[in-house]
Amino acid sequence: MRAEGLLVALAATVLTGSIAGVPAGLAQTPSRPNIVYILADDQGWKDVGFHGSDIKTPTIDALAQGGVRLEQFYSQPFCTPSRAALMTGRYPHRYGLQTLVIPSAGKYGLPTDEWILPQALKEAGYYTAIVGKWHLGHADRKYWPRQRGFDYQYGPLLGEIDYFTHSAHGTRDWFRNNQPLKEEGYVTTLIGNDAVRRIQAHDVRKPLFLYLAFTAPHSPYQAPKAYLDKYAGIKDPSRRAYAAMITAMDDQIGRVIAALEKKKIRENTIIVFQSDNGGPRSAKVTGEVDMSNSTIPADNGPYRDGKSSLYEGGTRVPAVVNWPGHVKAGSVVDQPIHIVDMYPTLAGLAGAQLTRTKPLDGMDVWASISEGAPSPRQEVVYDIEPFRAALRVGDWKLIWQITIPSRAELYNIAQDPGEQTNLADQNPSTVDELKARIEEQARGAVQPLIFSEALGTVRSVLFGSVLLPAEAKAIDQEP
């Protein structure tokens, strides 16, 4: 695409997207499906069988063979921003969750004035359940899933826990419906068990939204011996455990599908599978476990770098949609789709109203998924942060490091998906147009909440704590 065509492409994006919050093609959608949305955690693009991995994923591969593979599916470079984008249909820079993840000590969460996907589906008559990881706010109960539209919740609230003790920093992070829960078992198996129970107990007179958010294969790299033994031929212990974790997750997904079939609701259930971000390629972003002297096991195939980066390896993820009779078996959509698009797309299928949302960045892409129609998405926002940003319009992608010394990288993604040849110097006008578009997006950005919290901590250290009256009173009473 020529530089002067960038604005034309943007105009096309606006004109072909959802209008006034109403998904396109709503009148043609079939009866409301059950929705099972499966999110893996830190799984590399190549680490599925259908992308050529040696890791065994027969269930996910079967979903791909019987459904559609989304080969340009984009998420955010970190966990919390990706989950927020899915829940809101809006880019995370609009509400301050664009940078890093909510840390264990973090007191903030996904702002409560966002009308999120489970709220919209519940209003439309769905029974809504989250089984698995949340990571959108834990310090204040107002951020918890049951307060955000989920009828049922099971699993951890934080981002990383031990797979056998269910603990982080020595504190158990395992809940059911807001109540701490103590039980034994491997996290992935427990999540599968509970998802199966939800389906078995479900009243089929209501459509079901099951958000199935595995912690696997995020570190710590742990798996039961039976699964480790399946990969005895892999000598590296990190890669062996990582592979075992993915296969364990795949088995649980298989149990969930079997439960849908036994309940006789599989035919009217749309299943979405994706990873939340690219697999980590640096020990700095694997988690709280020290991996500095270990092999980093995730594989993003031909794509550069991984989790945390704005290159394709950090943001392009494996993704599949399967709905018997409604998507073409074995088809491939090789056009840009972003995780924010799933909110209006699923809301459209569910007959949910979008009048209570803030302006969405997502577009209804059901025609692209189900019919192979051209994607309405001509622009992909990888992230907008105070110190870096990346944006793609058409085939052109700009990565802009704004801190000193600043750096601009321009790639033609169609010709160079591995991002090996920086074309910024040869195309200055394209760089300028994409920078201008980033600046336009940034004008609507909220300062990262993690910065606000960190600045508050620094301010407290330098100038004394600024406390709410109740907090001050409590400290005054301490001996």
Protein backbone atom coordinates (compact mmCIF):
# COMPACT_ATOMS: atom_id res chain seq x y z
CA MET A 1 0.00 0.00 0.00
CA ARG A 2 1.29 3.45 -0.95
CA ALA A 3 1.69 6.00 1.82
CA GLU A 4 -1.07 8.22 0.43
CA GLY A 5 -3.44 5.26 0.65
CA LEU A 6 -3.16 4.94 4.41
CA LEU A 7 -5.91 7.41 5.22
CA VAL A 8 -8.16 5.85 2.62
CA ALA A 9 -7.69 2.49 4.32
CA LEU A 10 -8.52 4.05 7.67
CA ALA A 11 -11.69 5.55 6.25
CA ALA A 12 -12.67 2.14 4.92
CA THR A 13 -12.13 0.70 8.37
CA VAL A 14 -14.56 3.17 9.89
CA LEU A 15 -17.17 2.76 7.17
CA THR A 16 -17.17 -1.04 7.22
CA GLY A 17 -17.11 -1.47 10.99
CA SER A 18 -20.05 -1.59 13.39
CA ILE A 19 -22.23 1.51 13.16
CA ALA A 20 -23.68 3.11 16.28
CA GLY A 21 -22.71 0.05 18.31
CA VAL A 22 -24.91 -2.35 16.30
CA PRO A 23 -23.01 -5.30 14.82
CA ALA A 24 -23.27 -5.63 11.06
CA GLY A 25 -25.35 -8.52 9.75
CA LEU A 26 -27.23 -9.09 13.04
CA ALA A 27 -30.46 -9.92 11.21
CA GLN A 28 -28.75 -12.81 9.41
CA THR A 29 -27.23 -14.44 12.50
CA PRO A 30 -28.51 -17.88 13.55
CA SER A 31 -30.13 -18.71 16.89
CA ARG A 32 -28.08 -17.63 19.86
CA PRO A 33 -25.18 -20.01 20.47
CA ASN A 34 -23.53 -21.10 23.65
CA ILE A 35 -20.07 -19.57 23.81
CA VAL A 36 -16.98 -21.31 25.19
CA TYR A 37 -13.99 -18.94 25.05
CA ILE A 38 -10.73 -20.73 25.81
CA LEU A 39 -7.65 -18.70 26.65
CA ALA A 40 -4.21 -20.26 27.00
CA ASP A 41 -1.54 -18.32 28.90
CA ASP A 42 1.81 -17.52 27.25
CA GLN A 43 1.52 -20.24 24.59
CA GLY A 44 3.81 -19.70 21.62
CA TRP A 45 2.43 -19.31 18.10
CA LYS A 46 4.07 -22.50 16.90
CA ASP A 47 3.29 -24.55 20.01
CA VAL A 48 0.22 -26.26 18.56
CA GLY A 49 0.18 -29.28 16.30
CA PHE A 50 -1.51 -27.47 13.43
CA HIS A 51 1.46 -25.09 13.25
CA GLY A 52 3.94 -27.96 13.05
CA SER A 53 4.92 -28.37 16.70
CA ASP A 54 6.17 -31.61 18.19
CA ILE A 55 3.92 -30.84 21.17
CA LYS A 56 0.83 -33.04 21.09
CA THR A 57 -2.38 -30.99 20.87
CA PRO A 58 -4.90 -33.36 19.23
CA THR A 59 -7.98 -31.62 20.64
CA ILE A 60 -6.94 -28.12 19.56
CA ASP A 61 -5.88 -29.54 16.19
CA ALA A 62 -9.31 -31.12 15.78
CA LEU A 63 -10.94 -27.77 16.52
CA ALA A 64 -8.78 -26.25 13.79
CA GLN A 65 -9.54 -29.05 11.32
CA GLY A 66 -13.25 -28.73 11.95
CA GLY A 67 -13.26 -24.94 12.09
CA VAL A 68 -11.33 -21.91 10.93
CA ARG A 69 -7.74 -20.93 11.73
CA LEU A 70 -7.20 -17.21 12.24
CA GLU A 71 -3.65 -16.75 10.99
CA GLN A 72 -3.39 -13.00 11.56
CA PHE A 73 -5.03 -12.88 14.95
CA TYR A 74 -3.56 -10.20 17.20
CA SER A 75 -3.60 -9.84 20.94
CA GLN A 76 -1.74 -7.51 23.29
CA PRO A 77 1.91 -8.14 24.28
CA PHE A 78 1.05 -8.91 27.93
CA CYS A 79 -1.57 -10.85 29.83
CA THR A 80 -3.57 -8.16 31.64
CA PRO A 81 -3.91 -5.90 28.57
CA SER A 82 -5.07 -8.83 26.42
CA ARG A 83 -7.73 -9.92 28.89
CA ALA A 84 -8.88 -6.33 29.28
CA ALA A 85 -9.14 -5.92 25.50
CA LEU A 86 -11.27 -9.06 25.26
CA MET A 87 -13.54 -8.00 28.09
CA THR A 88 -14.06 -4.43 26.87
CA GLY A 89 -13.72 -4.52 23.09
CA ARG A 90 -11.50 -1.48 23.58
CA TYR A 91 -7.77 -0.91 23.37
CA PRO A 92 -6.17 -0.94 26.85
CA HIS A 93 -4.59 2.51 26.43
CA ARG A 94 -8.10 3.96 26.72
CA TYR A 95 -8.40 2.99 30.40
CA GLY A 96 -4.82 2.68 31.67
CA LEU A 97 -4.08 -1.04 31.37
CA GLN A 98 -1.70 -0.83 28.41
CA THR A 99 1.57 -1.29 30.32
CA LEU A 100 2.83 -4.52 31.89
CA VAL A 101 0.44 -6.54 34.07
CA ILE A 102 -1.27 -5.95 37.39
CA PRO A 103 1.41 -7.06 39.89
CA SER A 104 0.68 -9.00 43.04
CA ALA A 105 1.02 -5.80 45.07
CA GLY A 106 -1.11 -3.78 42.64
CA LYS A 107 -4.23 -2.15 44.04
CA TYR A 108 -5.85 -1.14 40.75
CA GLY A 109 -7.95 -3.08 38.27
CA LEU A 110 -10.05 -2.84 35.13
CA PRO A 111 -12.06 0.37 35.70
CA THR A 112 -15.59 -0.37 36.82
CA ASP A 113 -17.15 2.12 34.39
CA GLU A 114 -16.32 -0.25 31.52
CA TRP A 115 -19.36 -2.32 30.47
CA ILE A 116 -17.68 -5.64 29.82
CA LEU A 117 -18.55 -8.74 27.81
CA PRO A 118 -20.09 -10.89 30.60
CA GLN A 119 -22.29 -7.96 31.62
CA ALA A 120 -23.56 -7.56 28.07
CA LEU A 121 -24.17 -11.31 27.68
CA LYS A 122 -25.83 -11.64 31.08
CA GLU A 123 -28.16 -8.77 30.19
CA ALA A 124 -29.02 -10.70 27.02
CA GLY A 125 -30.07 -13.73 29.06
CA TYR A 126 -26.85 -15.75 29.20
CA TYR A 127 -25.59 -17.69 32.18
CA THR A 128 -22.02 -16.42 32.57
CA ALA A 129 -19.15 -18.32 34.17
CA ILE A 130 -15.41 -17.82 34.46
CA VAL A 131 -13.39 -20.92 35.19
CA GLY A 132 -9.71 -20.08 35.49
CA LYS A 133 -7.50 -17.03 35.60
CA TRP A 134 -8.82 -13.46 35.94
CA HIS A 135 -5.88 -11.01 36.40
CA LEU A 136 -7.95 -7.86 35.96
CA GLY A 137 -7.94 -6.73 39.58
CA HIS A 138 -7.67 -8.53 42.90
CA ALA A 139 -6.96 -6.03 45.72
CA ASP A 140 -10.51 -4.66 45.88
CA ARG A 141 -13.57 -6.89 45.54
CA LYS A 142 -15.21 -4.42 43.18
CA TYR A 143 -12.79 -5.64 40.51
CA TRP A 144 -13.56 -9.33 40.99
CA PRO A 145 -15.43 -11.39 38.36
CA ARG A 146 -18.65 -11.83 40.36
CA GLN A 147 -18.88 -8.06 40.59
CA ARG A 148 -18.29 -7.69 36.84
CA GLY A 149 -21.10 -9.73 35.32
CA PHE A 150 -20.13 -13.33 35.98
CA ASP A 151 -22.77 -15.50 37.66
CA TYR A 152 -20.10 -17.99 38.66
CA GLN A 153 -16.34 -17.82 39.34
CA TYR A 154 -13.70 -20.45 40.04
CA GLY A 155 -9.92 -20.19 40.03
CA PRO A 156 -7.15 -17.66 40.73
CA LEU A 157 -7.46 -13.88 40.68
CA LEU A 158 -3.76 -13.16 40.13
CA GLY A 159 -1.54 -13.88 37.17
CA GLU A 160 0.80 -16.62 38.37
CA ILE A 161 0.42 -19.39 40.92
CA ASP A 162 2.10 -22.67 41.80
CA TYR A 163 0.29 -25.48 39.95
CA PHE A 164 0.20 -27.78 42.99
CA THR A 165 -0.08 -25.47 46.01
CA HIS A 166 -2.28 -22.87 44.23
CA SER A 167 -0.25 -20.16 45.97
CA ALA A 168 1.61 -16.98 45.12
CA HIS A 169 4.11 -15.50 47.57
CA GLY A 170 3.05 -18.09 50.12
CA THR A 171 -0.61 -17.06 49.96
CA ARG A 172 -3.23 -19.31 48.40
CA ASP A 173 -4.93 -17.69 45.42
CA TRP A 174 -7.85 -20.02 44.77
CA PHE A 175 -11.50 -18.97 44.96
CA ARG A 176 -15.02 -20.04 44.17
CA ASN A 177 -17.67 -17.33 44.07
CA ASN A 178 -15.60 -14.85 46.10
CA GLN A 179 -14.79 -17.37 48.82
CA PRO A 180 -11.28 -18.75 49.46
CA LEU A 181 -11.11 -22.41 48.56
CA LYS A 182 -8.72 -25.10 49.76
CA GLU A 183 -8.45 -28.23 47.65
CA GLU A 184 -5.76 -30.49 46.30
CA GLY A 185 -4.85 -31.11 42.71
CA TYR A 186 -3.04 -29.89 39.63
CA VAL A 187 -4.40 -26.50 38.54
CA THR A 188 -5.02 -27.43 34.90
CA THR A 189 -6.93 -30.57 35.87
CA LEU A 190 -8.96 -28.71 38.48
CA ILE A 191 -9.94 -26.07 35.93
CA GLY A 192 -11.00 -28.80 33.51
CA ASN A 193 -12.97 -30.61 36.23
CA ASP A 194 -14.87 -27.49 37.17
CA ALA A 195 -15.64 -26.54 33.57
CA VAL A 196 -17.10 -30.00 33.01
CA ARG A 197 -19.23 -29.64 36.15
CA ARG A 198 -20.51 -26.26 34.94
CA ILE A 199 -21.62 -27.79 31.66
CA GLN A 200 -23.19 -30.84 33.32
CA ALA A 201 -25.20 -28.64 35.70
CA HIS A 202 -26.17 -26.04 33.11
CA ASP A 203 -29.85 -25.30 32.51
CA VAL A 204 -30.06 -25.58 28.72
CA ARG A 205 -33.03 -23.22 28.65
CA LYS A 206 -30.47 -20.41 28.95
CA PRO A 207 -27.50 -19.93 26.62
CA LEU A 208 -24.11 -20.40 28.27
CA PHE A 209 -21.05 -18.16 28.21
CA LEU A 210 -18.10 -20.08 29.64
CA TYR A 211 -14.84 -18.15 29.82
CA LEU A 212 -12.30 -20.94 30.25
CA ALA A 213 -9.00 -19.25 31.11
CA PHE A 214 -6.20 -21.73 31.74
CA THR A 215 -3.03 -20.67 33.55
CA ALA A 216 -1.08 -23.10 31.36
CA PRO A 217 1.53 -22.96 30.00
CA HIS A 218 2.62 -19.88 32.00
CA SER A 219 5.51 -20.44 34.39
CA PRO A 220 6.31 -22.01 36.80
CA TYR A 221 6.85 -24.91 34.41
CA GLN A 222 5.24 -27.76 36.32
CA ALA A 223 3.35 -30.86 35.24
CA PRO A 224 2.31 -34.22 36.72
CA LYS A 225 4.76 -37.06 36.19
CA ALA A 226 2.42 -38.86 33.80
CA TYR A 227 2.56 -35.91 31.42
CA LEU A 228 6.29 -35.37 31.86
CA ASP A 229 6.81 -39.00 30.94
CA LYS A 230 5.07 -38.40 27.59
CA TYR A 231 8.00 -36.14 26.71
CA ALA A 232 10.87 -38.16 28.12
CA GLY A 233 12.67 -37.66 24.81
CA ILE A 234 12.96 -33.89 25.39
CA LYS A 235 16.16 -33.43 27.36
CA ASP A 236 15.72 -29.80 28.38
CA PRO A 237 13.62 -29.80 31.58
CA SER A 238 11.90 -26.48 30.88
CA ARG A 239 10.83 -27.46 27.37
CA ARG A 240 9.76 -30.91 28.61
CA ALA A 241 7.56 -29.42 31.33
CA TYR A 242 6.21 -26.74 29.00
CA ALA A 243 5.22 -29.37 26.42
CA ALA A 244 3.64 -31.51 29.14
CA MET A 245 1.61 -28.53 30.38
CA ILE A 246 0.19 -27.85 26.92
CA THR A 247 -0.79 -31.48 26.39
CA ALA A 248 -2.41 -31.56 29.85
CA MET A 249 -4.42 -28.47 28.89
CA ASP A 250 -5.36 -30.03 25.55
CA ASP A 251 -6.70 -33.09 27.36
CA GLN A 252 -8.90 -30.91 29.57
CA ILE A 253 -10.24 -29.06 26.54
CA GLY A 254 -11.13 -32.48 25.15
CA ARG A 255 -13.08 -33.28 28.32
CA VAL A 256 -14.96 -30.00 28.02
CA ILE A 257 -15.95 -30.77 24.43
CA ALA A 258 -17.07 -34.25 25.45
CA ALA A 259 -19.24 -32.72 28.18
CA LEU A 260 -20.85 -30.40 25.62
CA GLU A 261 -21.58 -33.39 23.41
CA LYS A 262 -23.03 -35.42 26.27
CA LYS A 263 -25.22 -32.44 27.20
CA LYS A 264 -26.33 -32.36 23.53
CA ILE A 265 -25.39 -28.70 23.10
CA ARG A 266 -22.17 -29.04 21.10
CA GLU A 267 -23.84 -28.33 17.76
CA ASN A 268 -25.00 -24.94 18.97
CA THR A 269 -21.78 -23.98 20.77
CA ILE A 270 -19.16 -21.70 19.30
CA ILE A 271 -15.70 -22.47 20.65
CA VAL A 272 -12.89 -19.93 20.43
CA PHE A 273 -9.33 -20.87 21.32
CA GLN A 274 -6.38 -18.47 21.51
CA SER A 275 -3.26 -17.63 23.48
CA ASP A 276 -3.34 -14.39 25.43
CA ASN A 277 -0.02 -13.14 23.99
CA GLY A 278 3.05 -14.49 22.26
CA GLY A 279 5.22 -17.00 24.03
CA PRO A 280 8.02 -15.46 26.11
CA ARG A 281 11.48 -15.41 24.55
CA SER A 282 13.25 -13.65 27.43
CA ALA A 283 13.73 -14.69 31.05
CA LYS A 284 12.69 -11.16 32.01
CA VAL A 285 9.05 -11.85 31.12
CA THR A 286 8.50 -15.52 31.95
CA GLY A 287 7.19 -14.58 35.38
CA GLU A 288 8.44 -14.50 38.92
CA VAL A 289 10.39 -17.75 38.60
CA ASP A 290 14.07 -17.13 37.81
CA MET A 291 14.66 -18.51 34.30
CA SER A 292 17.91 -16.62 33.68
CA ASN A 293 19.96 -19.82 33.57
CA SER A 294 17.35 -21.92 31.80
CA THR A 295 16.09 -22.44 28.28
CA ILE A 296 13.05 -20.34 27.45
CA PRO A 297 10.72 -23.01 26.05
CA ALA A 298 8.09 -21.14 24.01
CA ASP A 299 8.37 -21.10 20.21
CA ASN A 300 6.80 -18.36 18.08
CA GLY A 301 7.84 -19.93 14.81
CA PRO A 302 8.76 -17.44 12.08
CA TYR A 303 7.79 -14.39 14.11
CA ARG A 304 10.29 -12.11 15.79
CA ASP A 305 10.74 -11.98 19.56
CA GLY A 306 7.89 -12.76 21.96
CA LYS A 307 5.82 -11.76 24.96
CA SER A 308 6.23 -8.09 25.98
CA SER A 309 7.57 -7.02 22.57
CA LEU A 310 5.63 -5.17 19.87
CA TYR A 311 7.05 -7.42 17.17
CA GLU A 312 4.78 -10.07 15.66
CA GLY A 313 6.12 -12.73 18.02
CA GLY A 314 4.74 -10.84 20.99
CA THR A 315 1.31 -10.15 19.57
CA ARG A 316 0.37 -12.65 16.82
CA VAL A 317 -1.09 -15.72 18.52
CA PRO A 318 -2.56 -19.10 17.58
CA ALA A 319 -6.34 -18.79 17.27
CA VAL A 320 -9.19 -21.04 16.16
CA VAL A 321 -12.97 -20.66 15.90
CA ASN A 322 -15.15 -23.76 15.68
CA TRP A 323 -18.93 -23.94 15.33
CA PRO A 324 -20.30 -26.93 13.45
CA GLY A 325 -22.37 -25.94 10.43
CA HIS A 326 -21.59 -22.24 10.79
CA VAL A 327 -17.89 -22.01 9.93
CA LYS A 328 -16.23 -23.90 7.10
CA ALA A 329 -14.23 -26.87 8.33
CA GLY A 330 -10.52 -26.58 7.61
CA SER A 331 -10.71 -22.98 6.43
CA VAL A 332 -8.13 -20.28 7.03
CA VAL A 333 -8.62 -16.53 7.49
CA ASP A 334 -5.31 -14.85 6.74
CA GLN A 335 -6.43 -11.28 7.39
CA PRO A 336 -5.97 -9.04 10.43
CA ILE A 337 -8.36 -9.62 13.32
CA HIS A 338 -7.72 -8.17 16.77
CA ILE A 339 -8.83 -9.51 20.13
CA VAL A 340 -10.99 -6.38 20.63
CA ASP A 341 -13.09 -7.60 17.69
CA MET A 342 -14.35 -10.59 19.64
CA TYR A 343 -16.60 -8.51 21.90
CA PRO A 344 -18.85 -7.05 19.17
CA THR A 345 -18.64 -10.27 17.14
CA LEU A 346 -19.85 -12.46 20.00
CA ALA A 347 -22.35 -9.85 21.15
CA GLY A 348 -23.80 -9.84 17.65
CA LEU A 349 -24.22 -13.62 17.64
CA ALA A 350 -25.74 -13.47 21.12
CA GLY A 351 -28.19 -10.69 20.33
CA ALA A 352 -26.63 -8.58 23.08
CA GLN A 353 -27.08 -4.82 23.05
CA LEU A 354 -24.02 -2.58 22.91
CA THR A 355 -25.73 0.63 23.98
CA ARG A 356 -24.05 0.62 27.41
CA THR A 357 -20.49 0.25 26.17
CA LYS A 358 -18.07 3.06 25.66
CA PRO A 359 -17.05 3.56 22.00
CA LEU A 360 -15.65 0.24 20.82
CA ASP A 361 -12.43 -0.30 18.92
CA GLY A 362 -13.61 -3.78 18.01
CA MET A 363 -15.52 -4.58 14.83
CA ASP A 364 -17.96 -7.35 14.04
CA VAL A 365 -15.81 -9.76 12.02
CA TRP A 366 -18.27 -12.66 11.86
CA ALA A 367 -18.59 -12.45 8.08
CA SER A 368 -14.81 -12.79 7.79
CA ILE A 369 -14.73 -15.76 10.16
CA SER A 370 -17.75 -17.60 8.81
CA GLU A 371 -17.68 -16.69 5.12
CA GLY A 372 -14.11 -15.59 4.42
CA ALA A 373 -15.29 -12.08 3.60
CA PRO A 374 -12.63 -9.35 3.61
CA SER A 375 -11.80 -8.24 7.12
CA PRO A 376 -13.10 -4.77 7.91
CA ARG A 377 -9.96 -4.22 9.98
CA GLN A 378 -7.35 -2.23 8.09
CA GLU A 379 -5.69 -0.86 11.23
CA VAL A 380 -4.14 -2.84 14.07
CA VAL A 381 -3.04 -1.06 17.24
CA TYR A 382 -0.41 -3.25 18.89
CA ASP A 383 -0.08 -0.91 21.85
CA ILE A 384 0.08 2.80 22.71
CA GLU A 385 2.28 3.56 25.72
CA PRO A 386 4.02 6.75 26.87
CA PHE A 387 7.40 5.38 25.82
CA ARG A 388 6.61 3.14 22.85
CA ALA A 389 3.88 2.34 20.35
CA ALA A 390 3.20 0.17 17.34
CA LEU A 391 0.52 0.42 14.71
CA ARG A 392 -0.24 -1.28 11.41
CA VAL A 393 -2.29 0.12 8.55
CA GLY A 394 -2.73 -2.22 5.62
CA ASP A 395 0.60 -3.98 5.16
CA TRP A 396 2.70 -1.25 6.76
CA LYS A 397 3.67 -1.56 10.42
CA LEU A 398 5.51 1.07 12.46
CA ILE A 399 7.22 0.34 15.77
CA TRP A 400 8.13 3.61 17.44
CA GLN A 401 10.37 3.77 20.49
CA ILE A 402 9.77 7.25 21.83
CA THR A 403 12.31 7.34 24.67
CA ILE A 404 15.72 8.87 23.97
CA PRO A 405 17.29 7.81 21.71
CA SER A 406 14.07 7.42 19.76
CA ARG A 407 13.86 4.80 17.04
CA ALA A 408 11.41 4.10 14.24
CA GLU A 409 11.13 0.72 12.53
CA LEU A 410 8.92 0.23 9.48
CA TYR A 411 8.06 -3.18 8.07
CA ASN A 412 5.94 -4.47 5.25
CA ILE A 413 4.22 -7.33 7.06
CA ALA A 414 2.90 -8.97 3.90
CA GLN A 415 6.38 -9.21 2.39
CA ASP A 416 8.38 -9.50 5.62
CA PRO A 417 6.29 -11.10 8.40
CA GLY A 418 9.48 -11.93 10.30
CA GLU A 419 10.34 -8.20 10.50
CA GLN A 420 13.91 -8.54 9.31
CA THR A 421 14.18 -5.49 7.02
CA ASN A 422 13.59 -2.03 8.46
CA LEU A 423 12.27 0.17 5.64
CA ALA A 424 11.91 3.39 7.65
CA ASP A 425 14.70 5.28 5.90
CA GLN A 426 13.35 4.43 2.44
CA ASN A 427 9.75 5.45 3.29
CA PRO A 428 9.85 8.62 5.41
CA SER A 429 6.38 9.79 4.38
CA THR A 430 4.83 6.48 5.48
CA VAL A 431 6.67 6.74 8.80
CA ASP A 432 5.33 10.27 9.29
CA GLU A 433 1.75 9.25 8.48
CA LEU A 434 1.84 6.33 10.88
CA LYS A 435 3.41 8.48 13.59
CA ALA A 436 0.62 11.00 13.12
CA ARG A 437 -1.95 8.26 13.50
CA ILE A 438 -0.25 7.05 16.70
CA GLU A 439 -0.28 10.61 18.05
CA GLU A 440 -4.00 10.81 17.26
CA GLN A 441 -4.65 7.59 19.16
CA ALA A 442 -2.45 8.73 22.05
CA ARG A 443 -4.49 11.89 22.57
CA GLY A 444 -7.26 9.69 23.93
CA ALA A 445 -4.98 7.61 26.14
CA VAL A 446 -5.08 7.36 29.92
CA GLN A 447 -1.82 7.29 31.86
CA PRO A 448 -0.92 3.68 32.70
CA LEU A 449 -2.43 2.84 36.07
CA ILE A 450 0.73 1.02 37.07
CA PHE A 451 2.60 4.34 36.65
CA SER A 452 0.07 6.17 38.80
CA GLU A 453 0.47 3.60 41.53
CA ALA A 454 4.27 3.63 41.29
CA LEU A 455 4.35 7.43 41.41
CA GLY A 456 2.15 7.31 44.46
CA THR A 457 4.64 4.99 46.13
CA VAL A 458 7.54 7.29 45.27
CA ARG A 459 5.60 10.29 46.53
CA SER A 460 4.95 8.48 49.79
CA VAL A 461 8.63 7.68 50.22
CA LEU A 462 9.77 11.20 49.42
CA PHE A 463 7.08 13.30 51.05
CA GLY A 464 5.27 11.03 53.46
CA SER A 465 2.27 8.81 52.89
CA VAL A 466 -0.96 10.30 51.61
CA LEU A 467 -3.60 8.14 53.28
CA LEU A 468 -7.35 7.95 53.40
CA PRO A 469 -8.74 8.94 56.82
CA ALA A 470 -9.58 5.34 57.73
CA GLU A 471 -6.05 4.22 56.83
CA ALA A 472 -4.49 7.06 58.80
CA LYS A 473 -6.63 6.26 61.81
CA ALA A 474 -5.63 2.60 61.68
CA ILE A 475 -1.94 3.48 61.57
CA ASP A 476 -2.32 5.98 64.41
CA GLN A 477 -3.74 3.18 66.55
CA GLU A 478 -0.87 0.80 65.86
CA PRO A 479 1.62 0.38 68.78
